[in-house]
Amino acid sequence: MIFTSIIKNNTRNIEKNIEKLNTEILKLNKELFNAEMDYIYLSSPDKLEKKISTFNKKKYSTYDFSRIFLSTEEFINFSSKQTKK
């Protein structure tokens, strides 16, 4: 009887921990999605040009379009290709 009670309490604690971790994972996934959307939006060449022109009147040099990535996966693929060379 005591053994069953101990197992039941331990199981309940583990389930609570799993629920907390699942909630944390959902929050982190949402933050990752938002960060990816911000990255895609902000790395668009047209958007960057507009932001730079309104931000300051300093002269900025252009950036090679091949170095602007639409997603983090593209950046990771590009980085892994460079390291293999």
PDB file of N, CA and C in Angstrom:
ATOM      1  N   MET A   1       0.828  -1.190   0.000  1.00  0.00           N
ATOM      2  CA  MET A   1       0.000   0.000   0.000  1.00  0.00           C
ATOM      3  C   MET A   1       0.878   1.261   0.000  1.00  0.00           C
ATOM      4  N   ILE A   2       1.889   1.292   0.831  1.00  0.00           N
ATOM      5  CA  ILE A   2       2.780   2.450   0.915  1.00  0.00           C
ATOM      6  C   ILE A   2       3.558   2.600  -0.393  1.00  0.00           C
ATOM      7  N   PHE A   3       3.993   1.471  -0.912  1.00  0.00           N
ATOM      8  CA  PHE A   3       4.760   1.485  -2.154  1.00  0.00           C
ATOM      9  C   PHE A   3       3.937   2.084  -3.297  1.00  0.00           C
ATOM     10  N   THR A   4       2.675   1.742  -3.373  1.00  0.00           N
ATOM     11  CA  THR A   4       1.781   2.272  -4.409  1.00  0.00           C
ATOM     12  C   THR A   4       1.595   3.777  -4.243  1.00  0.00           C
ATOM     13  N   SER A   5       1.464   4.226  -3.027  1.00  0.00           N
ATOM     14  CA  SER A   5       1.296   5.652  -2.751  1.00  0.00           C
ATOM     15  C   SER A   5       2.539   6.438  -3.160  1.00  0.00           C
ATOM     16  N   ILE A   6       3.715   5.894  -2.879  1.00  0.00           N
ATOM     17  CA  ILE A   6       4.967   6.568  -3.248  1.00  0.00           C
ATOM     18  C   ILE A   6       5.086   6.667  -4.766  1.00  0.00           C
ATOM     19  N   ILE A   7       4.784   5.598  -5.448  1.00  0.00           N
ATOM     20  CA  ILE A   7       4.859   5.595  -6.916  1.00  0.00           C
ATOM     21  C   ILE A   7       3.849   6.582  -7.500  1.00  0.00           C
ATOM     22  N   LYS A   8       2.655   6.613  -6.940  1.00  0.00           N
ATOM     23  CA  LYS A   8       1.620   7.533  -7.422  1.00  0.00           C
ATOM     24  C   LYS A   8       2.074   8.987  -7.260  1.00  0.00           C
ATOM     25  N   ASN A   9       2.642   9.337  -6.114  1.00  0.00           N
ATOM     26  CA  ASN A   9       3.116  10.703  -5.880  1.00  0.00           C
ATOM     27  C   ASN A   9       4.282  11.052  -6.802  1.00  0.00           C
ATOM     28  N   ASN A  10       5.203  10.123  -6.975  1.00  0.00           N
ATOM     29  CA  ASN A  10       6.323  10.373  -7.889  1.00  0.00           C
ATOM     30  C   ASN A  10       5.841  10.558  -9.328  1.00  0.00           C
ATOM     31  N   THR A  11       4.877   9.752  -9.716  1.00  0.00           N
ATOM     32  CA  THR A  11       4.319   9.868 -11.063  1.00  0.00           C
ATOM     33  C   THR A  11       3.637  11.216 -11.246  1.00  0.00           C
ATOM     34  N   ARG A  12       2.906  11.663 -10.255  1.00  0.00           N
ATOM     35  CA  ARG A  12       2.230  12.962 -10.321  1.00  0.00           C
ATOM     36  C   ARG A  12       3.260  14.090 -10.448  1.00  0.00           C
ATOM     37  N   ASN A  13       4.341  14.009  -9.690  1.00  0.00           N
ATOM     38  CA  ASN A  13       5.400  15.022  -9.777  1.00  0.00           C
ATOM     39  C   ASN A  13       6.058  15.020 -11.154  1.00  0.00           C
ATOM     40  N   ILE A  14       6.297  13.851 -11.686  1.00  0.00           N
ATOM     41  CA  ILE A  14       6.892  13.761 -13.024  1.00  0.00           C
ATOM     42  C   ILE A  14       5.948  14.353 -14.071  1.00  0.00           C
ATOM     43  N   GLU A  15       4.663  14.067 -13.949  1.00  0.00           N
ATOM     44  CA  GLU A  15       3.684  14.626 -14.892  1.00  0.00           C
ATOM     45  C   GLU A  15       3.637  16.153 -14.808  1.00  0.00           C
ATOM     46  N   LYS A  16       3.745  16.698 -13.604  1.00  0.00           N
ATOM     47  CA  LYS A  16       3.779  18.159 -13.442  1.00  0.00           C
ATOM     48  C   LYS A  16       5.020  18.742 -14.099  1.00  0.00           C
ATOM     49  N   ASN A  17       6.152  18.087 -13.916  1.00  0.00           N
ATOM     50  CA  ASN A  17       7.387  18.552 -14.547  1.00  0.00           C
ATOM     51  C   ASN A  17       7.290  18.489 -16.074  1.00  0.00           C
ATOM     52  N   ILE A  18       6.691  17.429 -16.584  1.00  0.00           N
ATOM     53  CA  ILE A  18       6.516  17.303 -18.037  1.00  0.00           C
ATOM     54  C   ILE A  18       5.626  18.419 -18.554  1.00  0.00           C
ATOM     55  N   GLU A  19       4.576  18.722 -17.834  1.00  0.00           N
ATOM     56  CA  GLU A  19       3.667  19.804 -18.258  1.00  0.00           C
ATOM     57  C   GLU A  19       4.380  21.151 -18.263  1.00  0.00           C
ATOM     58  N   LYS A  20       5.198  21.406 -17.243  1.00  0.00           N
ATOM     59  CA  LYS A  20       5.964  22.656 -17.200  1.00  0.00           C
ATOM     60  C   LYS A  20       6.935  22.735 -18.371  1.00  0.00           C
ATOM     61  N   LEU A  21       7.607  21.622 -18.655  1.00  0.00           N
ATOM     62  CA  LEU A  21       8.557  21.606 -19.772  1.00  0.00           C
ATOM     63  C   LEU A  21       7.850  21.784 -21.114  1.00  0.00           C
ATOM     64  N   ASN A  22       6.677  21.173 -21.266  1.00  0.00           N
ATOM     65  CA  ASN A  22       5.910  21.351 -22.508  1.00  0.00           C
ATOM     66  C   ASN A  22       5.482  22.809 -22.687  1.00  0.00           C
ATOM     67  N   THR A  23       5.087  23.446 -21.607  1.00  0.00           N
ATOM     68  CA  THR A  23       4.719  24.858 -21.675  1.00  0.00           C
ATOM     69  C   THR A  23       5.924  25.703 -22.070  1.00  0.00           C
ATOM     70  N   GLU A  24       7.074  25.408 -21.487  1.00  0.00           N
ATOM     71  CA  GLU A  24       8.306  26.136 -21.819  1.00  0.00           C
ATOM     72  C   GLU A  24       8.689  25.912 -23.280  1.00  0.00           C
ATOM     73  N   ILE A  25       8.532  24.701 -23.772  1.00  0.00           N
ATOM     74  CA  ILE A  25       8.839  24.397 -25.171  1.00  0.00           C
ATOM     75  C   ILE A  25       7.918  25.184 -26.097  1.00  0.00           C
ATOM     76  N   LEU A  26       6.644  25.261 -25.772  1.00  0.00           N
ATOM     77  CA  LEU A  26       5.708  26.025 -26.594  1.00  0.00           C
ATOM     78  C   LEU A  26       6.097  27.499 -26.645  1.00  0.00           C
ATOM     79  N   LYS A  27       6.489  28.056 -25.494  1.00  0.00           N
ATOM     80  CA  LYS A  27       6.911  29.453 -25.456  1.00  0.00           C
ATOM     81  C   LYS A  27       8.156  29.670 -26.317  1.00  0.00           C
ATOM     82  N   LEU A  28       9.120  28.768 -26.193  1.00  0.00           N
ATOM     83  CA  LEU A  28      10.354  28.900 -26.966  1.00  0.00           C
ATOM     84  C   LEU A  28      10.105  28.730 -28.468  1.00  0.00           C
ATOM     85  N   ASN A  29       9.199  27.829 -28.830  1.00  0.00           N
ATOM     86  CA  ASN A  29       8.860  27.663 -30.245  1.00  0.00           C
ATOM     87  C   ASN A  29       8.208  28.926 -30.803  1.00  0.00           C
ATOM     88  N   LYS A  30       7.355  29.543 -30.008  1.00  0.00           N
ATOM     89  CA  LYS A  30       6.719  30.784 -30.441  1.00  0.00           C
ATOM     90  C   LYS A  30       7.753  31.891 -30.600  1.00  0.00           C
ATOM     91  N   GLU A  31       8.689  31.997 -29.653  1.00  0.00           N
ATOM     92  CA  GLU A  31       9.747  33.000 -29.754  1.00  0.00           C
ATOM     93  C   GLU A  31      10.634  32.750 -30.967  1.00  0.00           C
ATOM     94  N   LEU A  32      10.926  31.483 -31.237  1.00  0.00           N
ATOM     95  CA  LEU A  32      11.738  31.139 -32.405  1.00  0.00           C
ATOM     96  C   LEU A  32      11.014  31.522 -33.689  1.00  0.00           C
ATOM     97  N   PHE A  33       9.722  31.230 -33.761  1.00  0.00           N
ATOM     98  CA  PHE A  33       8.939  31.586 -34.936  1.00  0.00           C
ATOM     99  C   PHE A  33       8.937  33.095 -35.142  1.00  0.00           C
ATOM    100  N   ASN A  34       8.739  33.854 -34.064  1.00  0.00           N
ATOM    101  CA  ASN A  34       8.745  35.310 -34.169  1.00  0.00           C
ATOM    102  C   ASN A  34      10.111  35.840 -34.587  1.00  0.00           C
ATOM    103  N   ALA A  35      11.158  35.249 -34.057  1.00  0.00           N
ATOM    104  CA  ALA A  35      12.511  35.673 -34.428  1.00  0.00           C
ATOM    105  C   ALA A  35      12.784  35.387 -35.904  1.00  0.00           C
ATOM    106  N   GLU A  36      12.341  34.237 -36.380  1.00  0.00           N
ATOM    107  CA  GLU A  36      12.518  33.910 -37.798  1.00  0.00           C
ATOM    108  C   GLU A  36      11.736  34.871 -38.688  1.00  0.00           C
ATOM    109  N   MET A  37      10.532  35.200 -38.279  1.00  0.00           N
ATOM    110  CA  MET A  37       9.720  36.141 -39.072  1.00  0.00           C
ATOM    111  C   MET A  37      10.378  37.521 -39.081  1.00  0.00           C
ATOM    112  N   ASP A  38      10.880  37.962 -37.939  1.00  0.00           N
ATOM    113  CA  ASP A  38      11.580  39.249 -37.878  1.00  0.00           C
ATOM    114  C   ASP A  38      12.824  39.219 -38.756  1.00  0.00           C
ATOM    115  N   TYR A  39      13.556  38.123 -38.726  1.00  0.00           N
ATOM    116  CA  TYR A  39      14.773  38.004 -39.527  1.00  0.00           C
ATOM    117  C   TYR A  39      14.448  38.082 -41.015  1.00  0.00           C
ATOM    118  N   ILE A  40      13.417  37.352 -41.437  1.00  0.00           N
ATOM    119  CA  ILE A  40      13.035  37.372 -42.855  1.00  0.00           C
ATOM    120  C   ILE A  40      12.570  38.767 -43.253  1.00  0.00           C
ATOM    121  N   TYR A  41      11.763  39.393 -42.418  1.00  0.00           N
ATOM    122  CA  TYR A  41      11.249  40.722 -42.728  1.00  0.00           C
ATOM    123  C   TYR A  41      12.374  41.743 -42.791  1.00  0.00           C
ATOM    124  N   LEU A  42      13.243  41.704 -41.796  1.00  0.00           N
ATOM    125  CA  LEU A  42      14.288  42.718 -41.716  1.00  0.00           C
ATOM    126  C   LEU A  42      15.437  42.487 -42.690  1.00  0.00           C
ATOM    127  N   SER A  43      15.601  41.263 -43.174  1.00  0.00           N
ATOM    128  CA  SER A  43      16.706  41.006 -44.083  1.00  0.00           C
ATOM    129  C   SER A  43      16.315  41.181 -45.548  1.00  0.00           C
ATOM    130  N   SER A  44      15.076  41.554 -45.800  1.00  0.00           N
ATOM    131  CA  SER A  44      14.658  41.826 -47.169  1.00  0.00           C
ATOM    132  C   SER A  44      15.398  43.069 -47.669  1.00  0.00           C
ATOM    133  N   PRO A  45      16.024  43.008 -48.846  1.00  0.00           N
ATOM    134  CA  PRO A  45      16.817  44.140 -49.342  1.00  0.00           C
ATOM    135  C   PRO A  45      16.019  45.446 -49.449  1.00  0.00           C
ATOM    136  N   ASP A  46      14.785  45.359 -49.918  1.00  0.00           N
ATOM    137  CA  ASP A  46      13.966  46.570 -50.047  1.00  0.00           C
ATOM    138  C   ASP A  46      13.673  47.187 -48.683  1.00  0.00           C
ATOM    139  N   LYS A  47      13.330  46.351 -47.730  1.00  0.00           N
ATOM    140  CA  LYS A  47      13.021  46.854 -46.390  1.00  0.00           C
ATOM    141  C   LYS A  47      14.268  47.471 -45.757  1.00  0.00           C
ATOM    142  N   LEU A  48      15.406  46.813 -45.947  1.00  0.00           N
ATOM    143  CA  LEU A  48      16.647  47.344 -45.387  1.00  0.00           C
ATOM    144  C   LEU A  48      16.974  48.715 -45.988  1.00  0.00           C
ATOM    145  N   GLU A  49      16.798  48.819 -47.280  1.00  0.00           N
ATOM    146  CA  GLU A  49      17.097  50.089 -47.947  1.00  0.00           C
ATOM    147  C   GLU A  49      16.215  51.215 -47.409  1.00  0.00           C
ATOM    148  N   LYS A  50      14.924  50.929 -47.240  1.00  0.00           N
ATOM    149  CA  LYS A  50      13.998  51.933 -46.714  1.00  0.00           C
ATOM    150  C   LYS A  50      14.356  52.321 -45.277  1.00  0.00           C
ATOM    151  N   LYS A  51      14.654  51.312 -44.454  1.00  0.00           N
ATOM    152  CA  LYS A  51      15.003  51.590 -43.061  1.00  0.00           C
ATOM    153  C   LYS A  51      16.275  52.426 -42.972  1.00  0.00           C
ATOM    154  N   ILE A  52      17.258  52.093 -43.782  1.00  0.00           N
ATOM    155  CA  ILE A  52      18.521  52.826 -43.742  1.00  0.00           C
ATOM    156  C   ILE A  52      18.311  54.264 -44.195  1.00  0.00           C
ATOM    157  N   SER A  53      17.503  54.449 -45.232  1.00  0.00           N
ATOM    158  CA  SER A  53      17.303  55.805 -45.733  1.00  0.00           C
ATOM    159  C   SER A  53      16.538  56.672 -44.735  1.00  0.00           C
ATOM    160  N   THR A  54      15.631  56.083 -43.989  1.00  0.00           N
ATOM    161  CA  THR A  54      14.888  56.868 -43.001  1.00  0.00           C
ATOM    162  C   THR A  54      15.632  56.987 -41.676  1.00  0.00           C
ATOM    163  N   PHE A  55      16.500  56.029 -41.399  1.00  0.00           N
ATOM    164  CA  PHE A  55      17.202  56.016 -40.118  1.00  0.00           C
ATOM    165  C   PHE A  55      18.241  57.123 -40.019  1.00  0.00           C
ATOM    166  N   ASN A  56      19.024  57.252 -41.061  1.00  0.00           N
ATOM    167  CA  ASN A  56      20.107  58.211 -40.990  1.00  0.00           C
ATOM    168  C   ASN A  56      20.500  58.617 -42.404  1.00  0.00           C
ATOM    169  N   LYS A  57      21.062  59.761 -42.562  1.00  0.00           N
ATOM    170  CA  LYS A  57      21.442  60.252 -43.881  1.00  0.00           C
ATOM    171  C   LYS A  57      22.884  59.892 -44.243  1.00  0.00           C
ATOM    172  N   LYS A  58      23.511  59.046 -43.462  1.00  0.00           N
ATOM    173  CA  LYS A  58      24.877  58.627 -43.760  1.00  0.00           C
ATOM    174  C   LYS A  58      24.877  57.739 -44.999  1.00  0.00           C
ATOM    175  N   LYS A  59      26.014  57.707 -45.662  1.00  0.00           N
ATOM    176  CA  LYS A  59      26.166  56.849 -46.830  1.00  0.00           C
ATOM    177  C   LYS A  59      26.508  55.430 -46.363  1.00  0.00           C
ATOM    178  N   TYR A  60      25.768  54.475 -46.870  1.00  0.00           N
ATOM    179  CA  TYR A  60      26.041  53.079 -46.576  1.00  0.00           C
ATOM    180  C   TYR A  60      26.373  52.365 -47.871  1.00  0.00           C
ATOM    181  N   SER A  61      27.287  51.433 -47.790  1.00  0.00           N
ATOM    182  CA  SER A  61      27.627  50.667 -48.982  1.00  0.00           C
ATOM    183  C   SER A  61      26.597  49.553 -49.176  1.00  0.00           C
ATOM    184  N   THR A  62      26.465  49.116 -50.404  1.00  0.00           N
ATOM    185  CA  THR A  62      25.506  48.051 -50.688  1.00  0.00           C
ATOM    186  C   THR A  62      26.072  46.720 -50.230  1.00  0.00           C
ATOM    187  N   TYR A  63      25.182  45.786 -50.040  1.00  0.00           N
ATOM    188  CA  TYR A  63      25.545  44.472 -49.550  1.00  0.00           C
ATOM    189  C   TYR A  63      25.197  43.465 -50.633  1.00  0.00           C
ATOM    190  N   ASP A  64      26.079  42.541 -50.873  1.00  0.00           N
ATOM    191  CA  ASP A  64      25.861  41.531 -51.895  1.00  0.00           C
ATOM    192  C   ASP A  64      24.586  40.738 -51.578  1.00  0.00           C
ATOM    193  N   PHE A  65      23.688  40.638 -52.551  1.00  0.00           N
ATOM    194  CA  PHE A  65      22.410  39.963 -52.321  1.00  0.00           C
ATOM    195  C   PHE A  65      22.588  38.480 -52.000  1.00  0.00           C
ATOM    196  N   SER A  66      23.665  37.882 -52.431  1.00  0.00           N
ATOM    197  CA  SER A  66      23.889  36.468 -52.127  1.00  0.00           C
ATOM    198  C   SER A  66      24.169  36.245 -50.647  1.00  0.00           C
ATOM    199  N   ARG A  67      24.457  37.305 -49.912  1.00  0.00           N
ATOM    200  CA  ARG A  67      24.734  37.181 -48.486  1.00  0.00           C
ATOM    201  C   ARG A  67      23.494  37.454 -47.621  1.00  0.00           C
ATOM    202  N   ILE A  68      22.355  37.701 -48.258  1.00  0.00           N
ATOM    203  CA  ILE A  68      21.103  37.918 -47.527  1.00  0.00           C
ATOM    204  C   ILE A  68      20.286  36.638 -47.651  1.00  0.00           C
ATOM    205  N   PHE A  69      19.923  36.067 -46.529  1.00  0.00           N
ATOM    206  CA  PHE A  69      19.246  34.780 -46.507  1.00  0.00           C
ATOM    207  C   PHE A  69      17.788  34.971 -46.110  1.00  0.00           C
ATOM    208  N   LEU A  70      16.911  34.160 -46.711  1.00  0.00           N
ATOM    209  CA  LEU A  70      15.483  34.258 -46.434  1.00  0.00           C
ATOM    210  C   LEU A  70      15.056  33.438 -45.231  1.00  0.00           C
ATOM    211  N   SER A  71      15.909  32.540 -44.805  1.00  0.00           N
ATOM    212  CA  SER A  71      15.584  31.741 -43.620  1.00  0.00           C
ATOM    213  C   SER A  71      16.868  31.307 -42.937  1.00  0.00           C
ATOM    214  N   THR A  72      16.697  30.837 -41.722  1.00  0.00           N
ATOM    215  CA  THR A  72      17.860  30.367 -40.978  1.00  0.00           C
ATOM    216  C   THR A  72      18.406  29.078 -41.588  1.00  0.00           C
ATOM    217  N   GLU A  73      17.516  28.255 -42.199  1.00  0.00           N
ATOM    218  CA  GLU A  73      17.974  27.020 -42.830  1.00  0.00           C
ATOM    219  C   GLU A  73      18.919  27.335 -43.994  1.00  0.00           C
ATOM    220  N   GLU A  74      18.590  28.359 -44.783  1.00  0.00           N
ATOM    221  CA  GLU A  74      19.462  28.749 -45.885  1.00  0.00           C
ATOM    222  C   GLU A  74      20.822  29.195 -45.361  1.00  0.00           C
ATOM    223  N   PHE A  75      20.820  29.953 -44.283  1.00  0.00           N
ATOM    224  CA  PHE A  75      22.076  30.405 -43.692  1.00  0.00           C
ATOM    225  C   PHE A  75      22.904  29.227 -43.199  1.00  0.00           C
ATOM    226  N   ILE A  76      22.261  28.276 -42.534  1.00  0.00           N
ATOM    227  CA  ILE A  76      22.971  27.108 -42.017  1.00  0.00           C
ATOM    228  C   ILE A  76      23.535  26.286 -43.168  1.00  0.00           C
ATOM    229  N   ASN A  77      22.736  26.095 -44.224  1.00  0.00           N
ATOM    230  CA  ASN A  77      23.234  25.361 -45.394  1.00  0.00           C
ATOM    231  C   ASN A  77      24.421  26.071 -46.025  1.00  0.00           C
ATOM    232  N   PHE A  78      24.328  27.370 -46.158  1.00  0.00           N
ATOM    233  CA  PHE A  78      25.414  28.145 -46.744  1.00  0.00           C
ATOM    234  C   PHE A  78      26.670  28.068 -45.884  1.00  0.00           C
ATOM    235  N   SER A  79      26.498  28.155 -44.579  1.00  0.00           N
ATOM    236  CA  SER A  79      27.636  28.089 -43.670  1.00  0.00           C
ATOM    237  C   SER A  79      28.286  26.712 -43.702  1.00  0.00           C
ATOM    238  N   SER A  80      27.471  25.672 -43.771  1.00  0.00           N
ATOM    239  CA  SER A  80      28.040  24.322 -43.799  1.00  0.00           C
ATOM    240  C   SER A  80      28.760  24.063 -45.108  1.00  0.00           C
ATOM    241  N   LYS A  81      28.307  24.662 -46.211  1.00  0.00           N
ATOM    242  CA  LYS A  81      28.986  24.504 -47.490  1.00  0.00           C
ATOM    243  C   LYS A  81      30.347  25.196 -47.436  1.00  0.00           C
ATOM    244  N   GLN A  82      30.402  26.344 -46.796  1.00  0.00           N
ATOM    245  CA  GLN A  82      31.669  27.063 -46.714  1.00  0.00           C
ATOM    246  C   GLN A  82      32.680  26.331 -45.851  1.00  0.00           C
ATOM    247  N   THR A  83      32.226  25.710 -44.787  1.00  0.00           N
ATOM    248  CA  THR A  83      33.148  25.016 -43.900  1.00  0.00           C
ATOM    249  C   THR A  83      33.663  23.732 -44.533  1.00  0.00           C
ATOM    250  N   LYS A  84      32.877  23.125 -45.409  1.00  0.00           N
ATOM    251  CA  LYS A  84      33.315  21.904 -46.077  1.00  0.00           C
ATOM    252  C   LYS A  84      34.416  22.197 -47.086  1.00  0.00           C
ATOM    253  N   LYS A  85      34.388  23.391 -47.676  1.00  0.00           N
ATOM    254  CA  LYS A  85      35.420  23.756 -48.645  1.00  0.00           C
ATOM    255  C   LYS A  85      36.720  23.938 -47.932  1.00  0.00           C
TER     256      LYS A  85
END
